[in-house]
């Protein structure tokens, strides 16, 4: 497994583990107490449901919202292993649908694509688990605290919104303004510390200039937390924000003028045993990377696209949206066990 892939896998599981373990008319002191209890009570197991929706105004290639959904059971691996999980992943953008899967038993993991599972391997996952143990070390703090941060620092002007039911559980609802600067700083810290010693982790850092650009365009960042009345366990986290791109920057972003981003994470069946089994008849991950080989040309072209005049005949501009659409449709019809069919799809984006 390439080292950059291991880095991305580690960072993704580290973030998921930290988030779930950290979730772990009232007066302002009562509201603070509600947040203190919610963010210090870990979620050891649950049915996980993440929903993300992104609307971009002005980008011709995107007709409608970009949506991402991740659903399935979860069990914490503590400070020893990646979480156990069996997640279904679905995405929709520009009229194209994509589905995949991710299974982890703590000591091994698999990626699902087109109904076939591909094994990442115990050796690769073992190296990730070593990183988790090293990151934890003798520090027995849980959740985000093991990375030296506190999610409560992201929230400003917290206020009580009364009671609400989430998946049949009575909760205390608290709303707040999201401090975008502190959130981005802590996101960098999580990725940096989680990926310490893993090749490629540093390239995921947000630069100071990127941070300022994000802060300048983000408007009305709202954050909501729903904490169980009886057990102090967070049952839902959600955020909504909007942004406007300055007119002199829109051309650099393919005409993007404004947009909205919203996400929510729900936790159901909290504390209940979850069924997570290793898949049967899995194939080596190398077969999947071969199948998706055409994407390297696509992503490379997009990464090297010029923001200047950009003649359409240059390969530096990458495949057109129409070519990518043909590629995704070709993959949906192709037989994963037949290399000739997969190569035919890859040729569409070269």
Protein backbone atom coordinates (compact mmCIF):
# COMPACT_ATOMS: atom_id res chain seq x y z
CA UNK A 1 0.00 0.00 0.00
CA UNK A 2 1.55 3.38 -1.00
CA UNK A 3 2.78 5.45 1.94
CA UNK A 4 0.57 8.40 0.99
CA UNK A 5 -2.48 6.11 1.06
CA UNK A 6 -1.50 4.90 4.53
CA UNK A 7 -1.17 8.53 5.60
CA UNK A 8 -4.65 9.40 4.34
CA UNK A 9 -6.14 6.28 5.93
CA UNK A 10 -4.50 7.08 9.26
CA UNK A 11 -5.61 10.71 9.20
CA UNK A 12 -9.21 9.77 8.36
CA UNK A 13 -9.48 7.20 11.14
CA UNK A 14 -7.68 9.46 13.62
CA UNK A 15 -10.18 12.22 12.95
CA UNK A 16 -13.14 9.86 13.24
CA UNK A 17 -11.84 8.31 16.44
CA UNK A 18 -11.08 11.68 17.99
CA UNK A 19 -14.46 13.10 17.06
CA UNK A 20 -16.44 10.17 18.40
CA UNK A 21 -14.36 9.80 21.56
CA UNK A 22 -14.56 13.55 22.24
CA UNK A 23 -18.28 13.56 22.02
CA UNK A 24 -17.69 12.21 24.45
CA UNK A 25 -33.80 29.43 29.28
CA UNK A 26 -30.71 28.37 31.00
CA UNK A 27 -28.01 30.67 32.27
CA UNK A 28 -24.70 30.92 30.44
CA UNK A 29 -23.07 28.81 33.16
CA UNK A 30 -25.66 26.06 32.64
CA UNK A 31 -25.05 26.11 28.89
CA UNK A 32 -21.31 25.82 29.46
CA UNK A 33 -21.90 22.89 31.81
CA UNK A 34 -24.00 21.13 29.15
CA UNK A 35 -21.18 21.49 26.60
CA UNK A 36 -18.55 20.44 29.16
CA UNK A 37 -20.41 17.22 29.90
CA UNK A 38 -21.18 16.48 26.26
CA UNK A 39 -17.63 16.93 24.97
CA UNK A 40 -16.13 14.94 27.84
CA UNK A 41 -18.40 11.89 27.50
CA UNK A 42 -17.04 9.39 24.92
CA UNK A 43 -19.16 7.51 22.40
CA UNK A 44 -17.89 3.95 22.58
CA UNK A 45 -20.30 2.58 19.98
CA UNK A 46 -23.15 3.85 17.84
CA UNK A 47 -24.87 3.86 14.51
CA UNK A 48 -23.07 6.68 12.70
CA UNK A 49 -24.81 8.94 10.13
CA UNK A 50 -22.91 11.77 8.45
CA UNK A 51 -24.65 13.99 5.89
CA UNK A 52 -22.86 16.78 4.00
CA UNK A 53 -24.38 19.13 1.41
CA UNK A 54 -22.49 21.76 -0.59
CA UNK A 55 -24.18 24.25 -2.93
CA UNK A 56 -21.94 26.23 -5.30
CA UNK A 57 -23.37 29.15 -7.27
CA UNK A 58 -21.74 30.14 -10.55
CA UNK A 59 -19.93 26.90 -11.42
CA UNK A 60 -21.41 25.69 -14.71
CA UNK A 61 -20.09 22.13 -14.34
CA UNK A 62 -22.08 21.61 -11.13
CA UNK A 63 -25.83 21.55 -11.60
CA UNK A 64 -27.33 21.03 -8.16
CA UNK A 65 -25.79 20.34 -4.76
CA UNK A 66 -22.81 18.13 -4.01
CA UNK A 67 -23.87 15.57 -1.40
CA UNK A 68 -21.98 13.05 0.71
CA UNK A 69 -23.42 10.43 3.04
CA UNK A 70 -21.59 8.03 5.37
CA UNK A 71 -23.70 5.57 7.39
CA UNK A 72 -23.13 2.45 9.45
CA UNK A 73 -22.05 0.97 12.79
CA UNK A 74 -19.03 2.13 14.75
CA UNK A 75 -17.07 0.87 17.77
CA UNK A 76 -14.16 2.74 19.32
CA UNK A 77 -10.67 1.26 19.14
CA UNK A 78 -9.59 3.37 22.09
CA UNK A 79 -5.94 4.37 22.04
CA UNK A 80 -4.84 1.07 20.47
CA UNK A 81 -6.41 0.59 17.05
CA UNK A 82 -8.40 2.28 14.33
CA UNK A 83 -12.15 2.15 15.03
CA UNK A 84 -14.22 -0.82 14.01
CA UNK A 85 -16.71 0.25 11.36
CA UNK A 86 -18.89 -0.90 8.49
CA UNK A 87 -19.76 2.26 6.58
CA UNK A 88 -21.67 2.76 3.35
CA UNK A 89 -20.47 5.84 1.47
CA UNK A 90 -22.54 7.62 -1.18
CA UNK A 91 -21.81 10.81 -3.09
CA UNK A 92 -23.62 12.80 -5.76
CA UNK A 93 -22.26 15.63 -7.90
CA UNK A 94 -23.08 17.02 -11.33
CA UNK A 95 -25.75 14.37 -11.81
CA UNK A 96 -23.28 11.55 -11.17
CA UNK A 97 -23.71 9.04 -8.34
CA UNK A 98 -20.86 7.26 -6.58
CA UNK A 99 -21.05 4.56 -3.92
CA UNK A 100 -18.38 2.78 -1.95
CA UNK A 101 -17.81 1.11 1.39
CA UNK A 102 -15.32 0.97 4.23
CA UNK A 103 -15.02 -1.94 6.68
CA UNK A 104 -12.62 -2.13 9.60
CA UNK A 105 -12.20 -4.81 12.25
CA UNK A 106 -9.52 -2.84 14.09
CA UNK A 107 -6.64 -4.99 12.83
CA UNK A 108 -7.57 -4.99 9.14
CA UNK A 109 -9.59 -2.89 6.73
CA UNK A 110 -11.30 -3.16 3.34
CA UNK A 111 -12.52 -0.72 0.70
CA UNK A 112 -15.69 -1.60 -1.20
CA UNK A 113 -16.27 -0.56 -4.82
CA UNK A 114 -18.92 -1.74 -7.28
CA UNK A 115 -19.97 -4.53 -4.93
CA UNK A 116 -16.44 -5.90 -4.53
CA UNK A 117 -14.29 -5.56 -1.39
CA UNK A 118 -10.54 -4.94 -1.59
CA UNK A 119 -8.26 -5.73 1.35
CA UNK A 120 -5.91 -3.03 2.63
CA UNK A 121 -4.04 -5.63 4.69
CA UNK A 122 -3.03 -6.27 8.28
CA UNK A 123 0.52 -5.05 7.75
CA UNK A 124 -0.61 -1.62 6.54
CA UNK A 125 -3.27 -1.29 9.24
CA UNK A 126 -0.78 -2.52 11.84
CA UNK A 127 1.52 0.37 10.98
CA UNK A 128 -1.38 2.78 11.38
CA UNK A 129 -2.21 1.25 14.77
CA UNK A 130 1.39 1.70 15.86
CA UNK A 131 1.04 5.38 15.05
CA UNK A 132 -2.13 5.56 17.14
CA UNK A 133 -0.41 3.94 20.12
CA UNK A 134 2.59 6.22 19.76
CA UNK A 135 0.35 9.28 19.52
CA UNK A 136 -1.43 8.23 22.69
CA UNK A 137 1.75 7.18 24.50
CA UNK A 138 1.51 7.66 28.23
CA UNK A 139 -1.13 10.38 27.76
CA UNK A 140 -4.40 8.74 28.74
CA UNK A 141 -6.57 11.69 27.76
CA UNK A 142 -9.39 10.79 25.38
CA UNK A 143 -10.77 12.25 22.19
CA UNK A 144 -9.51 15.57 20.90
CA UNK A 145 -7.74 16.27 24.21
CA UNK A 146 -4.99 13.80 23.26
CA UNK A 147 -4.15 16.20 20.42
CA UNK A 148 -3.93 19.16 22.81
CA UNK A 149 -7.14 20.87 21.71
CA UNK A 150 -10.64 21.48 23.06
CA UNK A 151 -13.63 21.62 20.65
CA UNK A 152 -15.36 24.02 23.01
CA UNK A 153 -12.84 26.63 21.92
CA UNK A 154 -14.47 26.54 18.48
CA UNK A 155 -17.76 27.85 19.88
CA UNK A 156 -18.63 31.46 20.66
CA UNK A 157 -21.79 33.03 22.09
CA UNK A 158 -23.31 29.66 23.07
CA UNK A 159 -26.97 29.82 24.06
CA UNK A 160 -29.74 27.50 25.18
CA UNK A 161 -32.27 26.46 22.52
CA UNK A 162 -34.44 24.32 24.80
CA UNK A 163 -35.17 20.60 24.53
CA UNK A 164 -35.33 18.46 21.41
CA UNK A 165 -35.75 14.78 20.56
CA UNK A 166 -33.01 13.11 18.49
CA UNK A 167 -33.67 9.50 17.45
CA UNK A 168 -36.16 9.22 20.30
CA UNK A 169 -33.77 10.57 22.95
CA UNK A 170 -34.50 13.76 24.92
CA UNK A 171 -31.62 16.21 24.50
CA UNK A 172 -30.53 19.69 25.51
CA UNK A 173 -30.03 21.79 22.38
CA UNK A 174 -27.23 24.38 22.42
CA UNK A 175 -26.40 26.67 19.49
CA UNK A 176 -23.28 28.76 18.99
CA UNK A 177 -21.21 30.66 16.46
CA UNK A 178 -18.29 28.71 15.00
CA UNK A 179 -14.91 30.40 15.39
CA UNK A 180 -13.54 29.54 11.95
CA UNK A 181 -9.96 30.59 12.74
CA UNK A 182 -9.64 28.42 15.83
CA UNK A 183 -11.33 25.51 14.07
CA UNK A 184 -8.84 25.63 11.18
CA UNK A 185 -5.89 25.92 13.56
CA UNK A 186 -7.03 22.87 15.49
CA UNK A 187 -7.74 20.93 12.30
CA UNK A 188 -4.11 21.49 11.32
CA UNK A 189 -3.00 20.35 14.76
CA UNK A 190 -5.05 17.14 14.58
CA UNK A 191 -3.71 16.17 11.16
CA UNK A 192 -0.14 17.12 12.05
CA UNK A 193 -0.04 15.18 15.32
CA UNK A 194 -2.09 12.24 14.03
CA UNK A 195 0.15 11.86 11.00
CA UNK A 196 3.44 12.42 12.78
CA UNK A 197 6.07 10.27 11.09
CA UNK A 198 3.72 9.32 8.23
CA UNK A 199 4.82 10.39 4.76
CA UNK A 200 2.53 12.90 3.07
CA UNK A 201 0.74 14.08 6.23
CA UNK A 202 2.32 17.54 6.07
CA UNK A 203 0.85 18.23 2.65
CA UNK A 204 -2.66 18.25 4.11
CA UNK A 205 -1.95 21.34 6.24
CA UNK A 206 -3.91 24.56 5.63
CA UNK A 207 -1.50 27.44 4.99
CA UNK A 208 -1.86 30.85 6.70
CA UNK A 209 -2.89 32.45 3.40
CA UNK A 210 -5.53 29.76 2.82
CA UNK A 211 -6.79 30.23 6.37
CA UNK A 212 -7.20 33.98 5.80
CA UNK A 213 -8.98 33.42 2.51
CA UNK A 214 -11.45 31.07 4.19
CA UNK A 215 -12.05 33.47 7.09
CA UNK A 216 -12.61 36.37 4.69
CA UNK A 217 -15.37 34.65 2.71
CA UNK A 218 -17.21 32.63 5.39
CA UNK A 219 -20.43 34.15 6.72
CA UNK A 220 -22.85 33.18 9.51
CA UNK A 221 -21.11 29.99 10.70
CA UNK A 222 -23.62 28.32 13.03
CA UNK A 223 -22.91 25.23 15.13
CA UNK A 224 -25.51 23.14 17.00
CA UNK A 225 -24.96 20.49 19.67
CA UNK A 226 -27.61 18.11 21.08
CA UNK A 227 -26.66 16.48 24.39
CA UNK A 228 -28.63 13.61 25.98
CA UNK A 229 -30.39 14.74 29.15
CA UNK A 230 -29.91 11.43 30.99
CA UNK A 231 -26.41 10.34 29.94
CA UNK A 232 -24.68 13.54 28.69
CA UNK A 233 -23.79 11.83 25.40
CA UNK A 234 -23.87 13.97 22.25
CA UNK A 235 -26.57 12.68 19.89
CA UNK A 236 -26.17 15.21 17.07
CA UNK A 237 -23.66 17.75 15.83
CA UNK A 238 -24.53 20.06 12.95
CA UNK A 239 -23.11 23.13 11.28
CA UNK A 240 -24.23 25.56 8.59
CA UNK A 241 -22.28 28.32 6.91
CA UNK A 242 -22.40 30.44 3.78
CA UNK A 243 -19.68 32.18 1.82
CA UNK A 244 -19.24 34.79 -0.91
CA UNK A 245 -16.24 34.96 -3.23
CA UNK A 246 -14.88 38.44 -4.04
CA UNK A 247 -15.48 39.39 -7.67
CA UNK A 248 -11.74 39.63 -8.40
CA UNK A 249 -11.26 36.01 -7.27
CA UNK A 250 -14.20 34.37 -9.05
CA UNK A 251 -12.37 33.75 -12.33
CA UNK A 252 -9.67 31.78 -10.49
CA UNK A 253 -12.39 29.51 -9.09
CA UNK A 254 -14.19 28.71 -12.37
CA UNK A 255 -16.78 31.43 -11.82
CA UNK A 256 -17.71 30.47 -8.25
CA UNK A 257 -19.68 33.35 -6.72
CA UNK A 258 -21.09 32.02 -3.47
CA UNK A 259 -22.26 28.89 -1.74
CA UNK A 260 -23.51 27.16 1.36
CA UNK A 261 -22.16 24.21 3.31
CA UNK A 262 -24.07 22.17 5.85
CA UNK A 263 -23.31 18.96 7.67
CA UNK A 264 -24.82 16.89 10.44
CA UNK A 265 -23.64 13.85 12.38
CA UNK A 266 -26.20 11.71 14.21
CA UNK A 267 -25.43 8.97 16.74
CA UNK A 268 -28.14 6.35 17.30
CA UNK A 269 -28.12 3.16 19.41
CA UNK A 270 -25.36 4.70 21.50
CA UNK A 271 -23.54 2.20 23.71
CA UNK A 272 -25.22 -0.79 22.07
CA UNK A 273 -23.25 -3.72 20.57
CA UNK A 274 -22.66 -3.28 16.84
CA UNK A 275 -22.29 -6.04 14.24
CA UNK A 276 -19.10 -5.61 12.22
CA UNK A 277 -17.71 -8.59 10.31
CA UNK A 278 -14.80 -9.06 7.92
CA UNK A 279 -16.04 -9.45 4.31
CA UNK A 280 -15.62 -12.65 2.36
CA UNK A 281 -13.95 -13.11 -1.03
CA UNK A 282 -11.99 -9.86 -0.84
CA UNK A 283 -9.38 -9.07 -3.47
CA UNK A 284 -6.00 -7.33 -3.04
CA UNK A 285 -6.11 -3.54 -2.96
CA UNK A 286 -3.72 -3.46 -5.91
CA UNK A 287 -6.55 -4.65 -8.17
CA UNK A 288 -8.62 -1.62 -7.20
CA UNK A 289 -5.77 0.81 -7.83
CA UNK A 290 -5.38 -0.73 -11.29
CA UNK A 291 -9.11 -0.37 -11.89
CA UNK A 292 -9.04 3.31 -10.96
CA UNK A 293 -5.77 4.02 -12.73
CA UNK A 294 -7.45 6.40 -15.14
CA UNK A 295 -8.22 8.74 -12.28
CA UNK A 296 -4.53 9.55 -11.85
CA UNK A 297 -4.54 11.23 -15.25
CA UNK A 298 -7.77 13.04 -14.41
CA UNK A 299 -6.58 14.34 -11.05
CA UNK A 300 -3.17 15.21 -12.40
CA UNK A 301 -4.74 17.25 -15.16
CA UNK A 302 -7.00 19.08 -12.75
CA UNK A 303 -4.11 19.80 -10.42
CA UNK A 304 -2.06 21.29 -13.23
CA UNK A 305 -4.86 23.30 -14.77
CA UNK A 306 -3.94 26.90 -15.41
CA UNK A 307 -6.07 29.69 -14.01
CA UNK A 308 -5.00 31.90 -16.89
CA UNK A 309 -6.27 31.81 -20.47
CA UNK A 310 -6.23 27.99 -20.45
CA UNK A 311 -6.56 26.79 -24.04
CA UNK A 312 -8.93 23.87 -24.24
CA UNK A 313 -6.56 21.90 -26.43
CA UNK A 314 -3.83 21.64 -23.82
CA UNK A 315 -3.50 18.43 -21.83
CA UNK A 316 -2.59 20.56 -18.77
CA UNK A 317 -6.24 21.56 -18.46
CA UNK A 318 -7.25 17.96 -17.79
CA UNK A 319 -10.19 15.98 -19.16
CA UNK A 320 -13.42 17.82 -19.80
CA UNK A 321 -16.52 17.27 -17.61
CA UNK A 322 -18.04 15.34 -20.52
CA UNK A 323 -15.05 12.98 -20.63
CA UNK A 324 -15.24 12.41 -16.88
CA UNK A 325 -18.96 11.68 -17.18
CA UNK A 326 -18.23 9.05 -19.84
CA UNK A 327 -15.50 7.60 -17.62
CA UNK A 328 -17.80 7.16 -14.61
CA UNK A 329 -20.52 5.59 -16.72
CA UNK A 330 -17.97 3.25 -18.27
CA UNK A 331 -16.76 2.12 -14.82
CA UNK A 332 -20.32 1.42 -13.72
CA UNK A 333 -20.78 -0.99 -16.63
CA UNK A 334 -17.32 -2.55 -16.60
CA UNK A 335 -16.56 -5.94 -15.08
CA UNK A 336 -13.90 -5.41 -12.36
CA UNK A 337 -12.38 -8.81 -13.15
CA UNK A 338 -11.69 -7.92 -16.80
CA UNK A 339 -8.64 -5.61 -17.19
CA UNK A 340 -9.44 -4.88 -20.85
CA UNK A 341 -12.76 -3.29 -19.91
CA UNK A 342 -11.13 -1.23 -17.17
CA UNK A 343 -8.38 -0.04 -19.49
CA UNK A 344 -10.99 1.03 -22.02
CA UNK A 345 -12.54 3.26 -19.35
CA UNK A 346 -9.13 4.66 -18.34
CA UNK A 347 -8.42 5.62 -21.96
CA UNK A 348 -11.43 7.96 -21.92
CA UNK A 349 -9.67 10.41 -19.58
CA UNK A 350 -6.15 10.29 -21.05
